[in-house]
C-alpha atoms as a PDB file:
ATOM      1  CA  MET A   1      10.241 -42.376  32.598  1.00  0.00           C
ATOM      2  CA  SER A   2      11.726 -38.959  33.172  1.00  0.00           C
ATOM      3  CA  LYS A   3      12.994 -35.866  31.407  1.00  0.00           C
ATOM      4  CA  TRP A   4      16.514 -37.292  31.808  1.00  0.00           C
ATOM      5  CA  ASN A   5      15.742 -40.219  29.507  1.00  0.00           C
ATOM      6  CA  PHE A   6      13.443 -38.233  27.168  1.00  0.00           C
ATOM      7  CA  GLY A   7      10.397 -40.173  28.388  1.00  0.00           C
ATOM      8  CA  THR A   8      11.935 -43.512  27.498  1.00  0.00           C
ATOM      9  CA  ASN A   9      12.513 -46.395  29.895  1.00  0.00           C
ATOM     10  CA  ALA A  10      12.964 -49.446  27.718  1.00  0.00           C
ATOM     11  CA  THR A  11      15.577 -51.659  26.156  1.00  0.00           C
ATOM     12  CA  PHE A  12      16.140 -51.264  22.428  1.00  0.00           C
ATOM     13  CA  GLY A  13      17.830 -53.500  19.920  1.00  0.00           C
ATOM     14  CA  ILE A  14      19.529 -53.226  16.578  1.00  0.00           C
ATOM     15  CA  ILE A  15      20.453 -55.703  13.893  1.00  0.00           C
ATOM     16  CA  VAL A  16      23.162 -54.548  11.511  1.00  0.00           C
ATOM     17  CA  THR A  17      22.749 -55.978   7.998  1.00  0.00           C
ATOM     18  CA  ASN A  18      24.480 -55.325   4.690  1.00  0.00           C
ATOM     19  CA  GLU A  19      21.469 -53.220   3.662  1.00  0.00           C
ATOM     20  CA  GLY A  20      21.322 -51.154   6.865  1.00  0.00           C
ATOM     21  CA  VAL A  21      20.228 -51.204  10.473  1.00  0.00           C
ATOM     22  CA  ILE A  22      17.012 -52.728  11.756  1.00  0.00           C
ATOM     23  CA  LEU A  23      15.938 -50.961  14.957  1.00  0.00           C
ATOM     24  CA  ILE A  24      13.610 -52.550  17.443  1.00  0.00           C
ATOM     25  CA  ASP A  25      11.604 -49.713  19.021  1.00  0.00           C
ATOM     26  CA  PRO A  26      12.439 -46.043  18.379  1.00  0.00           C
ATOM     27  CA  GLY A  27      11.931 -44.499  21.831  1.00  0.00           C
ATOM     28  CA  ALA A  28       9.156 -42.414  23.372  1.00  0.00           C
ATOM     29  CA  SER A  29       9.952 -39.102  21.703  1.00  0.00           C
ATOM     30  CA  TYR A  30      11.735 -37.422  18.820  1.00  0.00           C
ATOM     31  CA  LYS A  31      14.585 -36.505  21.197  1.00  0.00           C
ATOM     32  CA  ALA A  32      14.835 -40.077  22.455  1.00  0.00           C
ATOM     33  CA  ALA A  33      14.949 -41.351  18.873  1.00  0.00           C
ATOM     34  CA  ARG A  34      17.742 -38.912  18.030  1.00  0.00           C
ATOM     35  CA  TYR A  35      19.685 -40.084  21.097  1.00  0.00           C
ATOM     36  CA  ILE A  36      19.173 -43.721  20.068  1.00  0.00           C
ATOM     37  CA  HIS A  37      20.359 -42.859  16.545  1.00  0.00           C
ATOM     38  CA  ASP A  38      23.455 -41.103  17.912  1.00  0.00           C
ATOM     39  CA  THR A  39      24.234 -44.281  19.852  1.00  0.00           C
ATOM     40  CA  ILE A  40      23.711 -46.448  16.761  1.00  0.00           C
ATOM     41  CA  LYS A  41      26.195 -44.251  14.864  1.00  0.00           C
ATOM     42  CA  THR A  42      28.871 -45.185  17.422  1.00  0.00           C
ATOM     43  CA  ILE A  43      28.401 -48.829  16.361  1.00  0.00           C
ATOM     44  CA  THR A  44      27.960 -48.590  12.583  1.00  0.00           C
ATOM     45  CA  ASP A  45      27.833 -46.141   9.687  1.00  0.00           C
ATOM     46  CA  GLN A  46      24.921 -48.070   8.159  1.00  0.00           C
ATOM     47  CA  PRO A  47      21.636 -46.138   7.929  1.00  0.00           C
ATOM     48  CA  VAL A  48      18.562 -47.187   9.885  1.00  0.00           C
ATOM     49  CA  VAL A  49      16.378 -48.689   7.159  1.00  0.00           C
ATOM     50  CA  LEU A  50      13.695 -50.471   9.175  1.00  0.00           C
ATOM     51  CA  VAL A  51      12.056 -49.723  12.525  1.00  0.00           C
ATOM     52  CA  ILE A  52       9.987 -52.425  14.177  1.00  0.00           C
ATOM     53  CA  ASN A  53       7.437 -51.289  16.743  1.00  0.00           C
ATOM     54  CA  SER A  54       7.236 -54.248  19.115  1.00  0.00           C
ATOM     55  CA  GLY A  55       4.090 -52.962  20.824  1.00  0.00           C
ATOM     56  CA  GLY A  56       1.791 -50.046  21.413  1.00  0.00           C
ATOM     57  CA  GLU A  57       3.448 -48.510  24.471  1.00  0.00           C
ATOM     58  CA  ASP A  58       4.864 -45.019  23.936  1.00  0.00           C
ATOM     59  CA  GLN A  59       8.540 -46.044  24.013  1.00  0.00           C
ATOM     60  CA  ARG A  60       7.773 -48.551  21.269  1.00  0.00           C
ATOM     61  CA  TRP A  61       6.564 -46.021  18.683  1.00  0.00           C
ATOM     62  CA  LEU A  62       6.479 -42.299  19.508  1.00  0.00           C
ATOM     63  CA  GLY A  63       9.996 -41.869  18.084  1.00  0.00           C
ATOM     64  CA  ASN A  64       8.873 -43.164  14.671  1.00  0.00           C
ATOM     65  CA  SER A  65       8.757 -39.709  13.056  1.00  0.00           C
ATOM     66  CA  TYR A  66      12.480 -39.161  13.582  1.00  0.00           C
ATOM     67  CA  PHE A  67      13.427 -42.335  11.737  1.00  0.00           C
ATOM     68  CA  LYS A  68      10.694 -41.842   9.128  1.00  0.00           C
ATOM     69  CA  SER A  69      12.276 -38.464   8.326  1.00  0.00           C
ATOM     70  CA  LEU A  70      15.521 -40.331   7.586  1.00  0.00           C
ATOM     71  CA  GLY A  71      13.730 -42.647   5.157  1.00  0.00           C
ATOM     72  CA  ALA A  72      13.289 -45.691   7.397  1.00  0.00           C
ATOM     73  CA  CYS A  73      10.345 -48.002   6.876  1.00  0.00           C
ATOM     74  CA  ILE A  74       8.193 -48.426  10.001  1.00  0.00           C
ATOM     75  CA  ILE A  75       6.357 -51.680  10.713  1.00  0.00           C
ATOM     76  CA  ALA A  76       4.116 -52.877  13.537  1.00  0.00           C
ATOM     77  CA  SER A  77       1.553 -55.570  14.142  1.00  0.00           C
ATOM     78  CA  ARG A  78      -2.129 -54.797  13.642  1.00  0.00           C
ATOM     79  CA  ALA A  79      -2.662 -55.146  17.392  1.00  0.00           C
ATOM     80  CA  ALA A  80       0.105 -52.620  18.118  1.00  0.00           C
ATOM     81  CA  ILE A  81      -1.317 -50.139  15.617  1.00  0.00           C
ATOM     82  CA  LYS A  82      -4.789 -50.490  17.101  1.00  0.00           C
ATOM     83  CA  TYR A  83      -3.416 -49.857  20.609  1.00  0.00           C
ATOM     84  CA  GLN A  84      -1.359 -46.886  19.358  1.00  0.00           C
ATOM     85  CA  LYS A  85      -4.465 -45.275  17.865  1.00  0.00           C
ATOM     86  CA  VAL A  86      -6.492 -45.736  21.056  1.00  0.00           C
ATOM     87  CA  LYS A  87      -3.768 -44.517  23.436  1.00  0.00           C
ATOM     88  CA  ALA A  88      -1.949 -41.900  21.321  1.00  0.00           C
ATOM     89  CA  ASN A  89      -3.390 -38.790  22.988  1.00  0.00           C
ATOM     90  CA  ASP A  90      -2.805 -40.078  26.518  1.00  0.00           C
ATOM     91  CA  GLN A  91       0.723 -41.210  25.679  1.00  0.00           C
ATOM     92  CA  LEU A  92       1.656 -37.935  23.985  1.00  0.00           C
ATOM     93  CA  THR A  93       0.318 -35.895  26.902  1.00  0.00           C
ATOM     94  CA  ARG A  94       2.280 -37.959  29.418  1.00  0.00           C
ATOM     95  CA  VAL A  95       5.544 -37.883  27.466  1.00  0.00           C
ATOM     96  CA  MET A  96       5.310 -34.172  26.630  1.00  0.00           C
ATOM     97  CA  GLY A  97       5.061 -33.428  30.348  1.00  0.00           C
ATOM     98  CA  MET A  98       8.442 -35.087  30.870  1.00  0.00           C
ATOM     99  CA  LEU A  99      10.429 -33.542  28.045  1.00  0.00           C
ATOM    100  CA  PRO A 100      12.758 -30.654  28.803  1.00  0.00           C
ATOM    101  CA  ILE A 101      11.894 -27.478  26.943  1.00  0.00           C
END
């Protein structure tokens, strides 16, 4: 994780459907999510309609707000949500220290 990758060091996936794009993990920050979205737009004009958080680690969910603002539905397992709630402050502090101002 570094400021050069907006706090994100993971592999992401998309599934393009007739109804829109399903994104697996939105990145560790709003900026990372926007970068991921810009990359998606080079592949398809379909909107991101669903974001799946595959876990509770920061790169798996901290970018949710970007896609939520575009109208995407966000889903995660109960275990992931529980972990996100417990670790949110620590994860946000760590990621914010890496983001360029």
